[in-house]
C-alpha atoms as a PDB file:
ATOM      1  CA  GLN A   1     207.140 379.981 184.000  1.00  0.00           C
ATOM      2  CA  VAL A   2     205.935 378.717 187.354  1.00  0.00           C
ATOM      3  CA  GLN A   3     202.311 378.894 188.416  1.00  0.00           C
ATOM      4  CA  LEU A   4     201.535 379.013 192.137  1.00  0.00           C
ATOM      5  CA  VAL A   5     198.114 378.469 193.653  1.00  0.00           C
ATOM      6  CA  GLU A   6     197.564 379.062 197.347  1.00  0.00           C
ATOM      7  CA  SER A   7     194.758 377.693 199.479  1.00  0.00           C
ATOM      8  CA  GLY A   8     193.852 377.289 203.113  1.00  0.00           C
ATOM      9  CA  GLY A   9     193.252 380.829 204.249  1.00  0.00           C
ATOM     10  CA  GLY A  10     190.174 381.884 206.142  1.00  0.00           C
ATOM     11  CA  LEU A  11     188.681 383.499 209.222  1.00  0.00           C
ATOM     12  CA  VAL A  12     189.746 382.034 212.548  1.00  0.00           C
ATOM     13  CA  GLN A  13     189.837 383.044 216.172  1.00  0.00           C
ATOM     14  CA  ALA A  14     192.931 383.957 218.109  1.00  0.00           C
ATOM     15  CA  GLY A  15     194.695 380.825 219.290  1.00  0.00           C
ATOM     16  CA  ASP A  16     193.486 378.715 216.383  1.00  0.00           C
ATOM     17  CA  SER A  17     195.646 377.061 213.728  1.00  0.00           C
ATOM     18  CA  LEU A  18     195.628 377.139 209.946  1.00  0.00           C
ATOM     19  CA  ARG A  19     197.619 375.377 207.278  1.00  0.00           C
ATOM     20  CA  LEU A  20     198.258 377.147 204.010  1.00  0.00           C
ATOM     21  CA  SER A  21     199.148 375.239 200.868  1.00  0.00           C
ATOM     22  CA  CYS A  22     200.929 376.368 197.717  1.00  0.00           C
ATOM     23  CA  ALA A  23     200.750 374.112 194.679  1.00  0.00           C
ATOM     24  CA  ALA A  24     203.407 374.711 192.057  1.00  0.00           C
ATOM     25  CA  SER A  25     203.137 373.789 188.379  1.00  0.00           C
ATOM     26  CA  GLY A  26     204.953 374.547 185.175  1.00  0.00           C
ATOM     27  CA  ARG A  27     208.721 374.443 185.163  1.00  0.00           C
ATOM     28  CA  SER A  28     210.751 372.738 187.862  1.00  0.00           C
ATOM     29  CA  ILE A  29     211.431 374.642 191.079  1.00  0.00           C
ATOM     30  CA  THR A  30     214.157 372.263 192.248  1.00  0.00           C
ATOM     31  CA  ASN A  31     216.802 374.979 192.107  1.00  0.00           C
ATOM     32  CA  TYR A  32     214.678 377.513 193.943  1.00  0.00           C
ATOM     33  CA  ALA A  33     213.240 378.095 197.359  1.00  0.00           C
ATOM     34  CA  MET A  34     209.563 378.441 198.127  1.00  0.00           C
ATOM     35  CA  GLY A  35     208.482 380.912 200.721  1.00  0.00           C
ATOM     36  CA  TRP A  36     205.664 382.880 202.245  1.00  0.00           C
ATOM     37  CA  ILE A  37     205.459 386.622 202.412  1.00  0.00           C
ATOM     38  CA  ARG A  38     202.564 388.430 204.029  1.00  0.00           C
ATOM     39  CA  GLN A  39     201.114 391.874 203.662  1.00  0.00           C
ATOM     40  CA  ALA A  40     198.732 393.465 206.103  1.00  0.00           C
ATOM     41  CA  PRO A  41     196.603 396.485 205.160  1.00  0.00           C
ATOM     42  CA  GLY A  42     198.648 399.660 205.197  1.00  0.00           C
ATOM     43  CA  LYS A  43     201.876 397.816 205.938  1.00  0.00           C
ATOM     44  CA  GLU A  44     204.860 396.734 203.906  1.00  0.00           C
ATOM     45  CA  ARG A  45     205.410 393.163 202.849  1.00  0.00           C
ATOM     46  CA  GLU A  46     206.923 390.994 205.560  1.00  0.00           C
ATOM     47  CA  PHE A  47     209.001 387.857 205.131  1.00  0.00           C
ATOM     48  CA  VAL A  48     207.462 384.880 206.917  1.00  0.00           C
ATOM     49  CA  ALA A  49     209.377 381.715 206.033  1.00  0.00           C
ATOM     50  CA  ALA A  50     211.230 379.968 203.224  1.00  0.00           C
ATOM     51  CA  ILE A  51     212.403 376.463 202.382  1.00  0.00           C
ATOM     52  CA  THR A  52     214.808 375.266 199.721  1.00  0.00           C
ATOM     53  CA  TRP A  53     213.012 372.863 197.463  1.00  0.00           C
ATOM     54  CA  SER A  54     215.810 370.338 197.054  1.00  0.00           C
ATOM     55  CA  GLY A  55     217.513 370.317 200.460  1.00  0.00           C
ATOM     56  CA  GLY A  56     214.670 371.413 202.717  1.00  0.00           C
ATOM     57  CA  MET A  57     216.672 374.070 204.556  1.00  0.00           C
ATOM     58  CA  THR A  58     214.384 376.527 206.313  1.00  0.00           C
ATOM     59  CA  TRP A  59     214.404 380.171 207.342  1.00  0.00           C
ATOM     60  CA  TYR A  60     211.893 382.017 209.501  1.00  0.00           C
ATOM     61  CA  ALA A  61     211.190 385.559 210.545  1.00  0.00           C
ATOM     62  CA  ASP A  62     212.524 385.806 214.083  1.00  0.00           C
ATOM     63  CA  SER A  63     209.174 386.969 215.429  1.00  0.00           C
ATOM     64  CA  LEU A  64     207.408 383.878 214.056  1.00  0.00           C
ATOM     65  CA  LYS A  65     209.784 381.120 215.082  1.00  0.00           C
ATOM     66  CA  GLY A  66     208.063 378.500 217.171  1.00  0.00           C
ATOM     67  CA  ARG A  67     204.569 379.281 215.921  1.00  0.00           C
ATOM     68  CA  PHE A  68     204.935 378.815 212.150  1.00  0.00           C
ATOM     69  CA  THR A  69     206.408 375.815 210.350  1.00  0.00           C
ATOM     70  CA  ILE A  70     207.201 375.615 206.643  1.00  0.00           C
ATOM     71  CA  SER A  71     207.442 372.297 204.838  1.00  0.00           C
ATOM     72  CA  ARG A  72     207.180 370.844 201.360  1.00  0.00           C
ATOM     73  CA  ASP A  73     206.066 367.672 199.648  1.00  0.00           C
ATOM     74  CA  ASN A  74     208.261 367.140 196.615  1.00  0.00           C
ATOM     75  CA  ALA A  75     206.046 364.391 195.224  1.00  0.00           C
ATOM     76  CA  ARG A  76     202.998 366.672 195.286  1.00  0.00           C
ATOM     77  CA  ASN A  77     205.004 369.767 194.264  1.00  0.00           C
ATOM     78  CA  THR A  78     203.285 371.550 197.124  1.00  0.00           C
ATOM     79  CA  GLY A  79     204.559 373.673 199.961  1.00  0.00           C
ATOM     80  CA  TYR A  80     202.844 374.256 203.283  1.00  0.00           C
ATOM     81  CA  LEU A  81     202.809 376.815 206.064  1.00  0.00           C
ATOM     82  CA  GLN A  82     201.467 375.532 209.375  1.00  0.00           C
ATOM     83  CA  MET A  83     200.432 378.435 211.563  1.00  0.00           C
ATOM     84  CA  ASN A  84     199.673 377.797 215.226  1.00  0.00           C
ATOM     85  CA  SER A  85     198.552 380.023 218.091  1.00  0.00           C
ATOM     86  CA  LEU A  86     197.388 382.646 215.643  1.00  0.00           C
ATOM     87  CA  LYS A  87     197.161 386.239 216.798  1.00  0.00           C
ATOM     88  CA  SER A  88     195.213 389.185 215.448  1.00  0.00           C
ATOM     89  CA  GLU A  89     198.472 390.691 214.204  1.00  0.00           C
ATOM     90  CA  ASP A  90     198.880 387.692 211.889  1.00  0.00           C
ATOM     91  CA  THR A  91     195.965 389.009 209.829  1.00  0.00           C
ATOM     92  CA  ALA A  92     197.258 389.585 206.305  1.00  0.00           C
ATOM     93  CA  VAL A  93     197.261 388.364 202.749  1.00  0.00           C
ATOM     94  CA  TYR A  94     199.737 385.500 202.576  1.00  0.00           C
ATOM     95  CA  LEU A  95     201.587 385.225 199.284  1.00  0.00           C
ATOM     96  CA  CYS A  96     203.422 382.158 198.093  1.00  0.00           C
ATOM     97  CA  ALA A  97     206.686 383.002 196.377  1.00  0.00           C
ATOM     98  CA  VAL A  98     209.342 381.069 194.484  1.00  0.00           C
ATOM     99  CA  GLY A  99     212.843 382.260 193.768  1.00  0.00           C
ATOM    100  CA  PRO A 100     216.308 382.443 195.297  1.00  0.00           C
ATOM    101  CA  VAL A 101     216.062 382.278 199.079  1.00  0.00           C
ATOM    102  CA  GLY A 102     217.855 385.591 199.530  1.00  0.00           C
ATOM    103  CA  LYS A 103     215.353 387.245 197.265  1.00  0.00           C
ATOM    104  CA  ILE A 104     212.406 385.801 199.168  1.00  0.00           C
ATOM    105  CA  ARG A 105     213.875 386.906 202.496  1.00  0.00           C
ATOM    106  CA  SER A 106     213.973 390.393 200.995  1.00  0.00           C
ATOM    107  CA  THR A 107     210.263 390.049 200.118  1.00  0.00           C
ATOM    108  CA  GLU A 108     210.966 389.674 196.439  1.00  0.00           C
ATOM    109  CA  ALA A 109     210.504 386.647 194.178  1.00  0.00           C
ATOM    110  CA  ASN A 110     210.710 385.337 190.663  1.00  0.00           C
ATOM    111  CA  PHE A 111     207.182 383.943 190.777  1.00  0.00           C
ATOM    112  CA  TRP A 112     204.155 384.808 192.896  1.00  0.00           C
ATOM    113  CA  GLY A 113     200.861 383.231 193.809  1.00  0.00           C
ATOM    114  CA  GLN A 114     197.675 385.253 193.946  1.00  0.00           C
ATOM    115  CA  GLY A 115     197.587 385.312 197.740  1.00  0.00           C
ATOM    116  CA  THR A 116     195.228 383.933 200.346  1.00  0.00           C
ATOM    117  CA  GLN A 117     193.580 385.992 203.069  1.00  0.00           C
ATOM    118  CA  VAL A 118     194.087 385.044 206.696  1.00  0.00           C
ATOM    119  CA  THR A 119     191.950 386.904 209.203  1.00  0.00           C
ATOM    120  CA  VAL A 120     192.361 386.317 212.921  1.00  0.00           C
ATOM    121  CA  SER A 121     189.675 387.699 215.182  1.00  0.00           C
ATOM    122  CA  SER A 122     190.506 388.460 218.798  1.00  0.00           C
END
């Protein structure tokens, strides 16, 4: 089993930045990717970004490229999502996910965090 704990969400104004963190514990995630999936009220889950834990290859939703950056710190077993120039439409619960990268890009995962709320006021 893998336990994931997110942090860093909050209420910000449009144009602000936030950095989300996802701390992983339990079994090794070396053979997996870590990603972020968000869900806004009344909407389906949306893929945000993913990174392979060993090689650091990254994927992004096309609409978010240039504003969001995913990274990881292998020593700390923690992944990050840097979100810049936030917009009201970025308001959602952001879920950390671990699993095969294809699965994450399809908004599925082997392991999930509890989610962290990001609210962007305009």
